[in-house]
Amino acid sequence: MRKICIGIVAALIMLGAFMSARAADEKIAVVAAENFYGDVAQQIGGDRVSVTSILSSPDQDPHLFETSPSIVRELAAAQVVILNGIQYDPWMSGLLKAAPESGRVVIVAADLMHKAAGDNPHLWYDPATMPAVAKAVAAAFVAADSAHSDDYNSRLNSFLASLQPLDAKIASIRNKYEGTPVTATEPVFGYMAAALHLTMLNQRFQLAVMNNTEPSASDVAGFEQDLERHNARVLFFNKQASDNLVQHIVDLAHKSGVAVVGVTETTPPTLSYQNWMLTQLDMTENALAGKP
């Protein structure tokens, strides 16, 4: 009997050691509402995290998103959740309530940036947003897996350093083109345009399109006039969301010889957040310079 008891104790000790080793090897489950936040989480977590991004297709209109049971299951298992907030991804609130978890960390970019309802929700185009999100993500990973805190902090520092070329490009464009009048069909690129110190026209039209309301006839006429008279040097438009009015504006810009730059609300699948932003800034710089 004593031998049996010793054998059971030894087995339990071995099982405990196995379970502890398994727990140490388990990846932190992360769900990001948008893939640019998921990309940042992956860069900071490396092979210690498993990241699922809900909005990830460049062909998907984020405003037409519909949830699914698989997303609910993934969210139920998530230890860290990252979302934009201020009604850009309102469906996340319902999903989080459907899959509650007391120990889960929820990172809301809008809260980090002190934004409220009514503010422009396209926060990832603000150069200050991703450093704040990255720091919050790293802190969540350290709290969940303190044994690898040095790794997470090292990756955070590498990520912050990788944003320096982006900051340099913004400064370069700003120095050359500060005050240049531009316009847009909706305020997707708004924060970046502000960081470049460009003068944004037709903002009432943009807000109407973003809020799915009909722009006034006078706002439409004013927009058309700005394009026809070359009052704006560049037109920015959202490549992932369009309707007949937006397409009319884009066509008129082409016809009037106004440079057109298409921007997106999700990161293309082959690009990191940094390369995505740099690519769009390159297009912006070429458009401002009058290059095809």
Protein backbone atom coordinates (compact mmCIF):
# COMPACT_ATOMS: atom_id res chain seq x y z
CA MET A 1 0.00 0.00 0.00
CA ARG A 2 2.87 2.36 0.87
CA LYS A 3 4.45 1.75 -2.54
CA ILE A 4 1.13 2.52 -4.23
CA CYS A 5 0.75 5.76 -2.25
CA ILE A 6 4.30 6.81 -3.10
CA GLY A 7 3.60 6.02 -6.76
CA ILE A 8 0.44 8.15 -6.73
CA VAL A 9 2.23 11.06 -5.06
CA ALA A 10 5.05 10.83 -7.58
CA ALA A 11 2.58 10.74 -10.45
CA LEU A 12 0.75 13.78 -9.09
CA ILE A 13 4.03 15.65 -8.74
CA MET A 14 4.97 14.77 -12.32
CA LEU A 15 1.50 15.77 -13.53
CA GLY A 16 1.76 19.06 -11.68
CA ALA A 17 5.17 19.74 -13.20
CA PHE A 18 3.82 18.87 -16.65
CA MET A 19 0.82 21.16 -16.23
CA SER A 20 3.04 23.99 -14.98
CA ALA A 21 5.37 23.57 -17.95
CA ARG A 22 2.40 23.45 -20.29
CA ALA A 23 0.93 26.63 -18.73
CA ALA A 24 4.29 28.36 -19.12
CA ASP A 25 4.37 27.39 -22.78
CA GLU A 26 0.81 28.47 -23.54
CA LYS A 27 0.53 31.57 -25.67
CA ILE A 28 -1.37 34.65 -24.56
CA ALA A 29 -4.62 34.73 -26.54
CA VAL A 30 -5.22 38.15 -28.10
CA VAL A 31 -8.20 39.37 -30.09
CA ALA A 32 -7.98 42.71 -31.91
CA ALA A 33 -11.05 44.32 -33.42
CA GLU A 34 -8.90 45.71 -36.27
CA ASN A 35 -5.83 44.15 -37.86
CA PHE A 36 -3.53 47.15 -37.38
CA TYR A 37 -3.93 46.76 -33.61
CA GLY A 38 -3.43 43.03 -34.03
CA ASP A 39 -0.24 43.65 -35.97
CA VAL A 40 1.16 45.80 -33.16
CA ALA A 41 0.27 43.11 -30.61
CA GLN A 42 2.03 40.47 -32.71
CA GLN A 43 5.15 42.61 -33.07
CA ILE A 44 5.35 43.08 -29.30
CA GLY A 45 4.34 39.56 -28.29
CA GLY A 46 6.28 37.59 -30.90
CA ASP A 47 5.91 33.84 -30.54
CA ARG A 48 4.56 34.23 -27.00
CA VAL A 49 1.14 35.36 -28.25
CA SER A 50 -1.61 34.13 -30.53
CA VAL A 51 -3.38 37.02 -32.26
CA THR A 52 -6.74 37.03 -34.03
CA SER A 53 -7.82 40.17 -35.89
CA ILE A 54 -11.53 40.47 -36.62
CA LEU A 55 -11.45 43.16 -39.33
CA SER A 56 -8.62 42.17 -41.62
CA SER A 57 -9.73 42.19 -45.25
CA PRO A 58 -8.83 45.20 -47.44
CA ASP A 59 -12.00 44.51 -49.44
CA GLN A 60 -14.24 44.64 -46.36
CA ASP A 61 -16.25 47.71 -45.46
CA PRO A 62 -15.78 47.98 -41.66
CA HIS A 63 -19.15 49.70 -41.35
CA LEU A 64 -20.94 46.64 -42.77
CA PHE A 65 -19.31 44.08 -40.46
CA GLU A 66 -21.42 41.23 -39.10
CA THR A 67 -20.29 38.97 -36.28
CA SER A 68 -20.21 35.16 -36.27
CA PRO A 69 -20.18 32.32 -33.70
CA SER A 70 -16.48 31.65 -34.37
CA ILE A 71 -15.60 35.22 -33.41
CA VAL A 72 -17.58 34.86 -30.17
CA ARG A 73 -15.64 31.66 -29.36
CA GLU A 74 -12.28 33.32 -30.02
CA LEU A 75 -13.22 36.31 -27.91
CA ALA A 76 -14.36 34.04 -25.07
CA ALA A 77 -10.83 32.60 -24.89
CA ALA A 78 -9.04 35.95 -25.19
CA GLN A 79 -6.87 37.18 -22.33
CA VAL A 80 -6.21 40.53 -24.01
CA VAL A 81 -8.66 42.41 -26.26
CA ILE A 82 -7.82 45.53 -28.26
CA LEU A 83 -10.42 47.76 -29.88
CA ASN A 84 -10.69 51.25 -31.29
CA GLY A 85 -13.71 52.64 -29.45
CA ILE A 86 -15.82 55.81 -29.93
CA GLN A 87 -18.40 53.91 -31.99
CA TYR A 88 -16.01 52.76 -34.71
CA ASP A 89 -16.45 49.14 -33.61
CA PRO A 90 -19.63 49.27 -31.48
CA TRP A 91 -20.32 45.57 -32.06
CA MET A 92 -17.38 44.79 -29.75
CA SER A 93 -19.40 45.86 -26.70
CA GLY A 94 -22.03 43.23 -27.44
CA LEU A 95 -19.43 40.57 -28.11
CA LEU A 96 -17.61 41.27 -24.84
CA LYS A 97 -20.88 41.04 -22.91
CA ALA A 98 -21.68 37.74 -24.63
CA ALA A 99 -18.29 36.32 -23.62
CA PRO A 100 -17.46 37.75 -20.17
CA GLU A 101 -14.14 36.98 -18.50
CA SER A 102 -13.14 38.54 -15.19
CA GLY A 103 -9.39 38.41 -15.81
CA ARG A 104 -9.46 39.77 -19.33
CA VAL A 105 -7.62 43.01 -20.16
CA VAL A 106 -9.50 45.27 -22.59
CA ILE A 107 -7.45 48.02 -24.26
CA VAL A 108 -9.47 50.81 -25.90
CA ALA A 109 -7.44 53.13 -28.13
CA ALA A 110 -9.95 55.96 -27.74
CA ASP A 111 -9.57 55.89 -23.98
CA LEU A 112 -5.78 56.02 -24.26
CA MET A 113 -6.09 59.04 -26.57
CA HIS A 114 -8.76 60.72 -24.41
CA LYS A 115 -11.27 60.77 -27.26
CA ALA A 116 -15.03 60.87 -26.83
CA ALA A 117 -18.14 60.26 -28.91
CA GLY A 118 -18.25 62.72 -31.80
CA ASP A 119 -14.49 62.78 -32.33
CA ASN A 120 -12.98 61.41 -35.52
CA PRO A 121 -12.76 57.64 -34.84
CA HIS A 122 -9.93 56.88 -37.31
CA LEU A 123 -7.36 57.04 -34.52
CA TRP A 124 -4.71 54.83 -36.13
CA TYR A 125 -3.87 57.68 -38.52
CA ASP A 126 -2.85 59.81 -35.54
CA PRO A 127 0.92 59.30 -35.08
CA ALA A 128 0.47 59.44 -31.30
CA THR A 129 -1.97 56.52 -31.12
CA MET A 130 0.18 53.47 -31.82
CA PRO A 131 2.92 54.29 -29.29
CA ALA A 132 0.21 54.58 -26.62
CA VAL A 133 -1.46 51.32 -27.71
CA ALA A 134 1.89 49.52 -27.89
CA LYS A 135 2.80 50.53 -24.33
CA ALA A 136 -0.59 49.37 -23.03
CA VAL A 137 -0.26 46.06 -24.89
CA ALA A 138 3.24 45.44 -23.55
CA ALA A 139 2.03 46.16 -20.00
CA ALA A 140 -0.82 43.66 -20.43
CA PHE A 141 1.58 40.99 -21.70
CA VAL A 142 3.98 41.56 -18.80
CA ALA A 143 1.10 41.25 -16.33
CA ALA A 144 -0.07 38.01 -17.94
CA ASP A 145 3.40 36.49 -18.38
CA SER A 146 5.89 38.17 -16.08
CA ALA A 147 8.51 35.48 -16.70
CA HIS A 148 9.05 36.94 -20.17
CA SER A 149 8.77 40.62 -19.24
CA ASP A 150 12.25 41.43 -20.57
CA ASP A 151 11.29 40.03 -23.97
CA TYR A 152 8.07 42.05 -24.15
CA ASN A 153 9.80 45.26 -23.08
CA SER A 154 12.60 44.69 -25.58
CA ARG A 155 10.09 44.18 -28.38
CA LEU A 156 8.23 47.31 -27.26
CA ASN A 157 11.42 49.36 -27.50
CA SER A 158 12.11 47.91 -30.96
CA PHE A 159 8.60 48.77 -32.08
CA LEU A 160 8.86 52.35 -30.84
CA ALA A 161 12.22 52.73 -32.58
CA SER A 162 10.69 51.39 -35.82
CA LEU A 163 8.28 54.35 -35.84
CA GLN A 164 11.12 56.85 -36.24
CA PRO A 165 11.19 56.63 -40.10
CA LEU A 166 7.45 57.31 -40.04
CA ASP A 167 7.94 60.38 -37.85
CA ALA A 168 10.78 61.56 -40.11
CA LYS A 169 8.60 61.20 -43.22
CA ILE A 170 5.78 63.17 -41.57
CA ALA A 171 8.20 65.95 -40.63
CA SER A 172 9.65 66.04 -44.15
CA ILE A 173 6.24 66.36 -45.83
CA ARG A 174 5.11 68.93 -43.29
CA ASN A 175 8.18 71.08 -43.91
CA LYS A 176 7.56 71.07 -47.67
CA TYR A 177 3.78 71.33 -47.88
CA GLU A 178 2.48 72.88 -44.65
CA GLY A 179 -0.76 74.77 -45.30
CA THR A 180 -1.44 73.14 -48.68
CA PRO A 181 -5.21 72.82 -49.23
CA VAL A 182 -6.51 69.26 -49.64
CA THR A 183 -9.89 67.59 -49.41
CA ALA A 184 -11.43 64.18 -48.74
CA THR A 185 -14.67 62.27 -49.19
CA GLU A 186 -14.63 61.30 -45.49
CA PRO A 187 -12.22 61.95 -42.59
CA VAL A 188 -10.34 58.63 -42.67
CA PHE A 189 -6.99 60.37 -43.24
CA GLY A 190 -7.93 63.35 -41.08
CA TYR A 191 -5.50 62.88 -38.19
CA MET A 192 -2.57 62.31 -40.52
CA ALA A 193 -3.51 65.34 -42.62
CA ALA A 194 -3.52 67.38 -39.41
CA ALA A 195 -0.10 65.97 -38.44
CA LEU A 196 1.16 67.06 -41.88
CA HIS A 197 -0.33 70.53 -41.26
CA LEU A 198 -2.37 70.34 -44.46
CA THR A 199 -5.45 72.55 -44.75
CA MET A 200 -8.50 70.28 -45.00
CA LEU A 201 -11.49 71.52 -47.03
CA ASN A 202 -15.10 70.27 -47.22
CA GLN A 203 -15.27 68.87 -43.70
CA ARG A 204 -19.08 69.06 -43.41
CA PHE A 205 -19.34 66.86 -46.51
CA GLN A 206 -16.90 64.38 -44.99
CA LEU A 207 -18.79 64.11 -41.72
CA ALA A 208 -22.06 63.52 -43.55
CA VAL A 209 -20.54 60.65 -45.56
CA MET A 210 -18.92 59.13 -42.45
CA ASN A 211 -22.24 59.28 -40.56
CA ASN A 212 -24.19 57.81 -43.50
CA THR A 213 -26.26 60.95 -43.98
CA GLU A 214 -26.87 62.93 -47.15
CA PRO A 215 -24.56 65.94 -47.61
CA SER A 216 -26.42 69.17 -48.26
CA ALA A 217 -26.76 70.40 -51.83
CA SER A 218 -24.60 73.42 -51.00
CA ASP A 219 -21.85 71.21 -49.55
CA VAL A 220 -21.86 69.04 -52.65
CA ALA A 221 -21.74 72.10 -54.91
CA GLY A 222 -18.91 73.60 -52.87
CA PHE A 223 -16.94 70.36 -53.09
CA GLU A 224 -17.41 70.18 -56.87
CA GLN A 225 -16.32 73.80 -57.20
CA ASP A 226 -13.17 73.21 -55.15
CA LEU A 227 -12.19 70.40 -57.50
CA GLU A 228 -13.06 72.20 -60.73
CA ARG A 229 -11.20 75.36 -59.65
CA HIS A 230 -8.23 73.42 -58.25
CA ASN A 231 -8.77 74.89 -54.78
CA ALA A 232 -7.61 71.51 -53.42
CA ARG A 233 -4.36 69.95 -54.57
CA VAL A 234 -5.20 66.39 -53.44
CA LEU A 235 -8.39 64.37 -52.88
CA PHE A 236 -8.25 61.55 -50.33
CA PHE A 237 -10.91 58.86 -50.54
CA ASN A 238 -11.70 55.65 -48.68
CA LYS A 239 -11.04 52.69 -50.97
CA GLN A 240 -13.08 50.36 -48.77
CA ALA A 241 -16.35 52.30 -48.70
CA SER A 242 -17.94 54.00 -51.67
CA ASP A 243 -21.31 55.02 -53.09
CA ASN A 244 -22.50 56.86 -56.18
CA LEU A 245 -21.84 60.31 -54.72
CA VAL A 246 -18.31 59.44 -53.61
CA GLN A 247 -17.58 57.87 -56.97
CA HIS A 248 -18.87 61.03 -58.66
CA ILE A 249 -16.46 63.12 -56.58
CA VAL A 250 -13.52 60.83 -57.40
CA ASP A 251 -14.38 60.90 -61.11
CA LEU A 252 -14.65 64.69 -61.06
CA ALA A 253 -11.24 64.97 -59.38
CA HIS A 254 -9.67 62.85 -62.11
CA LYS A 255 -11.43 64.88 -64.79
CA SER A 256 -10.30 68.16 -63.21
CA GLY A 257 -6.69 67.05 -62.88
CA VAL A 258 -6.70 66.91 -59.07
CA ALA A 259 -4.46 64.18 -57.64
CA VAL A 260 -6.36 61.33 -56.00
CA VAL A 261 -5.02 59.20 -53.14
CA GLY A 262 -6.93 56.13 -51.98
CA VAL A 263 -6.52 55.23 -48.30
CA THR A 264 -7.80 52.21 -46.40
CA GLU A 265 -9.23 51.38 -42.99
CA THR A 266 -7.41 48.06 -42.59
CA THR A 267 -3.79 47.08 -43.14
CA PRO A 268 -3.13 45.21 -46.41
CA PRO A 269 -2.27 41.58 -45.56
CA THR A 270 1.35 41.79 -46.74
CA LEU A 271 2.28 44.96 -44.85
CA SER A 272 3.11 45.84 -41.26
CA TYR A 273 1.48 48.87 -39.70
CA GLN A 274 4.70 50.86 -40.22
CA ASN A 275 5.03 49.96 -43.90
CA TRP A 276 1.35 50.60 -44.51
CA MET A 277 1.60 54.13 -43.12
CA LEU A 278 4.84 54.82 -45.00
CA THR A 279 3.29 53.60 -48.27
CA GLN A 280 0.34 55.96 -47.89
CA LEU A 281 2.64 58.83 -46.94
CA ASP A 282 4.72 58.17 -50.06
CA MET A 283 1.55 58.36 -52.16
CA THR A 284 0.57 61.57 -50.39
CA GLU A 285 3.97 63.14 -50.98
CA ASN A 286 3.91 62.23 -54.67
CA ALA A 287 0.39 63.65 -55.03
CA LEU A 288 1.37 66.91 -53.33
CA ALA A 289 4.40 67.16 -55.59
CA GLY A 290 2.26 66.65 -58.67
CA LYS A 291 3.88 63.30 -59.54
CA PRO A 292 1.71 60.64 -61.19
